[in-house]
Amino acid sequence: MTDGRRETGDGSEPSPQEDAGWSSGSQERRNPSRDANEEAIAFGRKFGLGCFTFIIGFFSGGMVAVLLGRILAGLRKAPSCEGIPLCDWWVYVGIGGLIGAVSLPILVLRRLSGKK
């Protein structure tokens, strides 16, 4: 019997378990349902956006932290190194980068997945 998507072969209607994409192991795996497919696509989009904002958050957080460190060094009248904004810039980039890499994806994904 053909139901527009697949053929069962024995003329019987597919059971709800078979229709949901589950198999008893004796048959080949069924195609996932439409809802499962849409959930997988939504997960992929969120995962890709999270990875993208993770990288952007790291660099933007690091730059902001170096700016704050430069302001702090100016207020403390710390000696400056020639050619770079701070002598210990990597500390500020590391801490600010981690904060930015965690906070930006959280903020973006929370905003996009808000209730409509």
N, C-alpha and C. Protein backbone atom coordinates (compact mmCIF):
# COMPACT_ATOMS: atom_id res chain seq x y z
N MET A 1 0.84 -1.18 0.00
CA MET A 1 0.00 0.00 0.00
C MET A 1 0.89 1.24 0.00
N THR A 2 0.52 2.20 -0.77
CA THR A 2 1.31 3.43 -0.86
C THR A 2 0.54 4.55 -0.19
N ASP A 3 1.22 5.27 0.71
CA ASP A 3 0.56 6.38 1.39
C ASP A 3 1.13 7.73 0.96
N GLY A 4 1.80 7.77 -0.17
CA GLY A 4 2.33 9.02 -0.67
C GLY A 4 3.78 9.25 -0.28
N ARG A 5 4.26 8.55 0.74
CA ARG A 5 5.64 8.74 1.16
C ARG A 5 6.45 7.46 1.01
N ARG A 6 5.84 6.32 1.35
CA ARG A 6 6.57 5.07 1.28
C ARG A 6 5.59 3.92 1.05
N GLU A 7 6.11 2.78 0.77
CA GLU A 7 5.30 1.61 0.51
C GLU A 7 5.56 0.60 1.61
N THR A 8 4.49 0.09 2.26
CA THR A 8 4.69 -0.86 3.35
C THR A 8 4.93 -2.27 2.83
N GLY A 9 4.45 -2.59 1.68
CA GLY A 9 4.74 -3.88 1.06
C GLY A 9 3.70 -4.96 1.34
N ASP A 10 3.14 -4.99 2.53
CA ASP A 10 2.19 -6.05 2.85
C ASP A 10 0.75 -5.57 2.81
N GLY A 11 0.52 -4.34 2.44
CA GLY A 11 -0.84 -3.82 2.33
C GLY A 11 -1.39 -3.26 3.61
N SER A 12 -0.65 -3.36 4.71
CA SER A 12 -1.16 -2.85 5.98
C SER A 12 -0.78 -1.39 6.17
N GLU A 13 -1.49 -0.74 7.05
CA GLU A 13 -1.19 0.64 7.38
C GLU A 13 0.03 0.66 8.32
N PRO A 14 0.89 1.66 8.20
CA PRO A 14 2.03 1.74 9.11
C PRO A 14 1.57 2.08 10.52
N SER A 15 2.21 1.48 11.50
CA SER A 15 1.85 1.76 12.90
C SER A 15 2.40 3.13 13.29
N PRO A 16 1.88 3.72 14.37
CA PRO A 16 2.41 5.01 14.80
C PRO A 16 3.91 4.95 15.12
N GLN A 17 4.38 3.80 15.63
CA GLN A 17 5.80 3.66 15.94
C GLN A 17 6.64 3.72 14.66
N GLU A 18 6.18 3.04 13.61
CA GLU A 18 6.90 3.07 12.34
C GLU A 18 6.80 4.45 11.69
N ASP A 19 5.66 5.11 11.88
CA ASP A 19 5.44 6.41 11.27
C ASP A 19 6.32 7.48 11.92
N ALA A 20 6.71 7.29 13.18
CA ALA A 20 7.52 8.27 13.90
C ALA A 20 9.00 8.15 13.58
N GLY A 21 9.39 7.17 12.79
CA GLY A 21 10.77 7.04 12.42
C GLY A 21 11.50 5.96 13.20
N TRP A 22 10.82 5.29 14.12
CA TRP A 22 11.44 4.24 14.91
C TRP A 22 11.31 2.92 14.19
N SER A 23 12.25 2.06 14.39
CA SER A 23 12.25 0.77 13.74
C SER A 23 12.47 -0.31 14.78
N SER A 24 11.92 -1.48 14.53
CA SER A 24 12.12 -2.60 15.46
C SER A 24 13.47 -3.26 15.22
N GLY A 25 14.22 -2.84 14.25
CA GLY A 25 15.53 -3.39 13.97
C GLY A 25 15.53 -4.35 12.80
N SER A 26 14.37 -4.86 12.42
CA SER A 26 14.31 -5.80 11.31
C SER A 26 14.22 -5.10 9.96
N GLN A 27 13.87 -3.83 9.97
CA GLN A 27 13.74 -3.08 8.73
C GLN A 27 14.81 -2.00 8.70
N GLU A 28 15.02 -1.41 7.54
CA GLU A 28 15.98 -0.32 7.45
C GLU A 28 15.41 0.90 8.16
N ARG A 29 16.26 1.80 8.54
CA ARG A 29 15.85 2.98 9.29
C ARG A 29 14.91 3.85 8.47
N ARG A 30 13.89 4.35 9.12
CA ARG A 30 12.90 5.20 8.47
C ARG A 30 13.41 6.63 8.41
N ASN A 31 12.83 7.42 7.54
CA ASN A 31 13.14 8.84 7.48
C ASN A 31 12.57 9.52 8.71
N PRO A 32 13.26 10.52 9.24
CA PRO A 32 12.74 11.21 10.42
C PRO A 32 11.46 11.98 10.07
N SER A 33 10.68 12.24 11.07
CA SER A 33 9.44 12.97 10.85
C SER A 33 9.75 14.43 10.53
N ARG A 34 8.76 15.13 10.09
CA ARG A 34 8.92 16.54 9.71
C ARG A 34 9.33 17.38 10.91
N ASP A 35 8.74 17.14 12.09
CA ASP A 35 9.08 17.90 13.29
C ASP A 35 10.53 17.66 13.70
N ALA A 36 10.97 16.41 13.62
CA ALA A 36 12.36 16.11 13.98
C ALA A 36 13.32 16.78 13.01
N ASN A 37 12.95 16.83 11.75
CA ASN A 37 13.79 17.49 10.76
C ASN A 37 13.87 18.99 11.02
N GLU A 38 12.74 19.61 11.35
CA GLU A 38 12.74 21.05 11.64
C GLU A 38 13.54 21.35 12.91
N GLU A 39 13.46 20.46 13.92
CA GLU A 39 14.24 20.64 15.13
C GLU A 39 15.74 20.53 14.84
N ALA A 40 16.12 19.61 13.97
CA ALA A 40 17.53 19.45 13.61
C ALA A 40 18.04 20.68 12.86
N ILE A 41 17.23 21.23 11.98
CA ILE A 41 17.62 22.43 11.25
C ILE A 41 17.76 23.60 12.22
N ALA A 42 16.81 23.74 13.14
CA ALA A 42 16.88 24.83 14.12
C ALA A 42 18.12 24.68 15.01
N PHE A 43 18.43 23.45 15.41
CA PHE A 43 19.63 23.23 16.22
C PHE A 43 20.89 23.59 15.44
N GLY A 44 20.94 23.22 14.18
CA GLY A 44 22.10 23.55 13.34
C GLY A 44 22.29 25.04 13.19
N ARG A 45 21.21 25.76 13.02
CA ARG A 45 21.30 27.21 12.89
C ARG A 45 21.78 27.84 14.19
N LYS A 46 21.23 27.39 15.32
CA LYS A 46 21.66 27.92 16.61
C LYS A 46 23.12 27.57 16.90
N PHE A 47 23.53 26.37 16.54
CA PHE A 47 24.91 25.95 16.77
C PHE A 47 25.87 26.79 15.93
N GLY A 48 25.53 27.00 14.68
CA GLY A 48 26.37 27.82 13.80
C GLY A 48 26.45 29.26 14.28
N LEU A 49 25.32 29.81 14.69
CA LEU A 49 25.30 31.18 15.18
C LEU A 49 26.08 31.29 16.49
N GLY A 50 25.98 30.28 17.34
CA GLY A 50 26.73 30.29 18.59
C GLY A 50 28.23 30.24 18.35
N CYS A 51 28.68 29.43 17.41
CA CYS A 51 30.11 29.37 17.08
C CYS A 51 30.60 30.69 16.50
N PHE A 52 29.80 31.28 15.63
CA PHE A 52 30.18 32.55 15.02
C PHE A 52 30.28 33.65 16.07
N THR A 53 29.30 33.75 16.95
CA THR A 53 29.33 34.78 17.98
C THR A 53 30.38 34.50 19.04
N PHE A 54 30.77 33.23 19.23
CA PHE A 54 31.85 32.90 20.15
C PHE A 54 33.15 33.55 19.69
N ILE A 55 33.45 33.43 18.41
CA ILE A 55 34.69 34.01 17.86
C ILE A 55 34.64 35.53 17.91
N ILE A 56 33.52 36.09 17.49
CA ILE A 56 33.38 37.55 17.52
C ILE A 56 33.44 38.07 18.95
N GLY A 57 32.80 37.36 19.87
CA GLY A 57 32.82 37.77 21.27
C GLY A 57 34.21 37.73 21.87
N PHE A 58 35.01 36.74 21.48
CA PHE A 58 36.37 36.66 22.01
C PHE A 58 37.18 37.88 21.59
N PHE A 59 37.16 38.21 20.31
CA PHE A 59 37.97 39.33 19.85
C PHE A 59 37.44 40.67 20.33
N SER A 60 36.13 40.85 20.33
CA SER A 60 35.60 42.14 20.78
C SER A 60 35.78 42.31 22.29
N GLY A 61 35.61 41.23 23.04
CA GLY A 61 35.85 41.31 24.49
C GLY A 61 37.30 41.59 24.80
N GLY A 62 38.21 41.00 24.03
CA GLY A 62 39.63 41.26 24.23
C GLY A 62 40.01 42.70 23.94
N MET A 63 39.43 43.26 22.87
CA MET A 63 39.74 44.66 22.53
C MET A 63 39.21 45.62 23.58
N VAL A 64 38.02 45.37 24.06
CA VAL A 64 37.45 46.23 25.10
C VAL A 64 38.28 46.12 26.38
N ALA A 65 38.72 44.92 26.72
CA ALA A 65 39.53 44.74 27.93
C ALA A 65 40.87 45.44 27.82
N VAL A 66 41.50 45.42 26.63
CA VAL A 66 42.76 46.14 26.45
C VAL A 66 42.53 47.64 26.57
N LEU A 67 41.42 48.13 26.04
CA LEU A 67 41.10 49.55 26.19
C LEU A 67 40.95 49.91 27.67
N LEU A 68 40.21 49.09 28.41
CA LEU A 68 40.06 49.34 29.85
C LEU A 68 41.38 49.23 30.58
N GLY A 69 42.22 48.30 30.17
CA GLY A 69 43.55 48.17 30.77
C GLY A 69 44.43 49.37 30.48
N ARG A 70 44.32 49.92 29.28
CA ARG A 70 45.09 51.12 28.94
C ARG A 70 44.62 52.30 29.78
N ILE A 71 43.33 52.43 29.96
CA ILE A 71 42.80 53.50 30.82
C ILE A 71 43.28 53.31 32.25
N LEU A 72 43.24 52.08 32.73
CA LEU A 72 43.69 51.77 34.09
C LEU A 72 45.19 52.05 34.24
N ALA A 73 45.99 51.68 33.23
CA ALA A 73 47.42 51.95 33.28
C ALA A 73 47.70 53.46 33.27
N GLY A 74 46.89 54.22 32.54
CA GLY A 74 47.05 55.67 32.53
C GLY A 74 46.73 56.28 33.87
N LEU A 75 45.70 55.76 34.54
CA LEU A 75 45.34 56.27 35.86
C LEU A 75 46.40 55.91 36.92
N ARG A 76 47.01 54.76 36.77
CA ARG A 76 48.04 54.33 37.72
C ARG A 76 49.41 54.89 37.37
N LYS A 77 49.52 55.54 36.22
CA LYS A 77 50.77 56.07 35.70
C LYS A 77 51.82 54.96 35.60
N ALA A 78 51.36 53.83 35.04
CA ALA A 78 52.25 52.69 34.84
C ALA A 78 53.15 52.94 33.64
N PRO A 79 54.37 52.41 33.67
CA PRO A 79 55.26 52.59 32.51
C PRO A 79 54.69 51.85 31.29
N SER A 80 54.85 52.46 30.13
CA SER A 80 54.33 51.84 28.91
C SER A 80 55.46 51.22 28.11
N CYS A 81 55.16 50.17 27.39
CA CYS A 81 56.13 49.52 26.52
C CYS A 81 56.03 50.14 25.14
N GLU A 82 57.12 50.18 24.45
CA GLU A 82 57.15 50.85 23.15
C GLU A 82 56.46 49.99 22.09
N GLY A 83 55.53 50.58 21.37
CA GLY A 83 54.88 49.92 20.24
C GLY A 83 53.62 49.14 20.57
N ILE A 84 53.33 48.92 21.83
CA ILE A 84 52.10 48.20 22.22
C ILE A 84 51.38 49.01 23.30
N PRO A 85 50.08 48.84 23.42
CA PRO A 85 49.35 49.67 24.37
C PRO A 85 49.67 49.36 25.84
N LEU A 86 49.91 48.09 26.14
CA LEU A 86 50.20 47.68 27.52
C LEU A 86 51.34 46.68 27.53
N CYS A 87 52.09 46.65 28.61
CA CYS A 87 53.15 45.65 28.70
C CYS A 87 52.58 44.25 28.93
N ASP A 88 51.49 44.16 29.66
CA ASP A 88 50.86 42.86 29.95
C ASP A 88 49.50 42.75 29.25
N TRP A 89 49.48 43.08 27.97
CA TRP A 89 48.24 43.10 27.20
C TRP A 89 47.59 41.74 27.09
N TRP A 90 48.38 40.66 27.07
CA TRP A 90 47.83 39.31 26.90
C TRP A 90 46.93 38.90 28.06
N VAL A 91 47.20 39.43 29.24
CA VAL A 91 46.33 39.13 30.38
C VAL A 91 44.95 39.74 30.15
N TYR A 92 44.93 40.99 29.72
CA TYR A 92 43.66 41.66 29.46
C TYR A 92 42.91 41.02 28.29
N VAL A 93 43.64 40.66 27.24
CA VAL A 93 43.00 40.00 26.09
C VAL A 93 42.41 38.65 26.51
N GLY A 94 43.14 37.90 27.31
CA GLY A 94 42.66 36.58 27.74
C GLY A 94 41.40 36.66 28.58
N ILE A 95 41.43 37.52 29.59
CA ILE A 95 40.26 37.64 30.48
C ILE A 95 39.08 38.25 29.75
N GLY A 96 39.31 39.35 29.03
CA GLY A 96 38.23 39.99 28.28
C GLY A 96 37.70 39.10 27.17
N GLY A 97 38.60 38.35 26.53
CA GLY A 97 38.18 37.43 25.47
C GLY A 97 37.30 36.32 25.99
N LEU A 98 37.65 35.76 27.14
CA LEU A 98 36.81 34.71 27.72
C LEU A 98 35.43 35.25 28.12
N ILE A 99 35.42 36.41 28.72
CA ILE A 99 34.13 37.00 29.10
C ILE A 99 33.28 37.28 27.86
N GLY A 100 33.89 37.84 26.82
CA GLY A 100 33.16 38.12 25.59
C GLY A 100 32.72 36.87 24.86
N ALA A 101 33.59 35.84 24.85
CA ALA A 101 33.26 34.60 24.14
C ALA A 101 32.11 33.85 24.80
N VAL A 102 31.93 34.04 26.08
CA VAL A 102 30.82 33.37 26.77
C VAL A 102 29.56 34.23 26.74
N SER A 103 29.73 35.54 26.98
CA SER A 103 28.55 36.39 27.13
C SER A 103 27.85 36.70 25.81
N LEU A 104 28.58 36.94 24.73
CA LEU A 104 27.93 37.31 23.47
C LEU A 104 27.04 36.19 22.92
N PRO A 105 27.50 34.92 22.83
CA PRO A 105 26.59 33.88 22.37
C PRO A 105 25.37 33.70 23.26
N ILE A 106 25.56 33.83 24.57
CA ILE A 106 24.42 33.69 25.49
C ILE A 106 23.40 34.79 25.22
N LEU A 107 23.87 36.01 25.09
CA LEU A 107 22.94 37.13 24.86
C LEU A 107 22.23 37.01 23.52
N VAL A 108 22.97 36.66 22.47
CA VAL A 108 22.37 36.56 21.14
C VAL A 108 21.36 35.42 21.08
N LEU A 109 21.74 34.24 21.56
CA LEU A 109 20.82 33.10 21.48
C LEU A 109 19.61 33.28 22.39
N ARG A 110 19.79 33.91 23.53
CA ARG A 110 18.64 34.18 24.41
C ARG A 110 17.68 35.16 23.75
N ARG A 111 18.24 36.16 23.08
CA ARG A 111 17.40 37.16 22.41
C ARG A 111 16.64 36.54 21.23
N LEU A 112 17.30 35.69 20.46
CA LEU A 112 16.66 35.11 19.28
C LEU A 112 15.66 34.00 19.63
N SER A 113 15.85 33.33 20.73
CA SER A 113 14.93 32.25 21.09
C SER A 113 13.90 32.69 22.11
N GLY A 114 13.69 34.00 22.23
CA GLY A 114 12.68 34.52 23.16
C GLY A 114 11.28 34.13 22.72
N LYS A 115 10.38 34.14 23.67
CA LYS A 115 8.99 33.77 23.36
C LYS A 115 8.36 34.82 22.47
N LYS A 116 7.59 34.33 21.51
CA LYS A 116 6.96 35.22 20.53
C LYS A 116 5.56 35.58 20.95
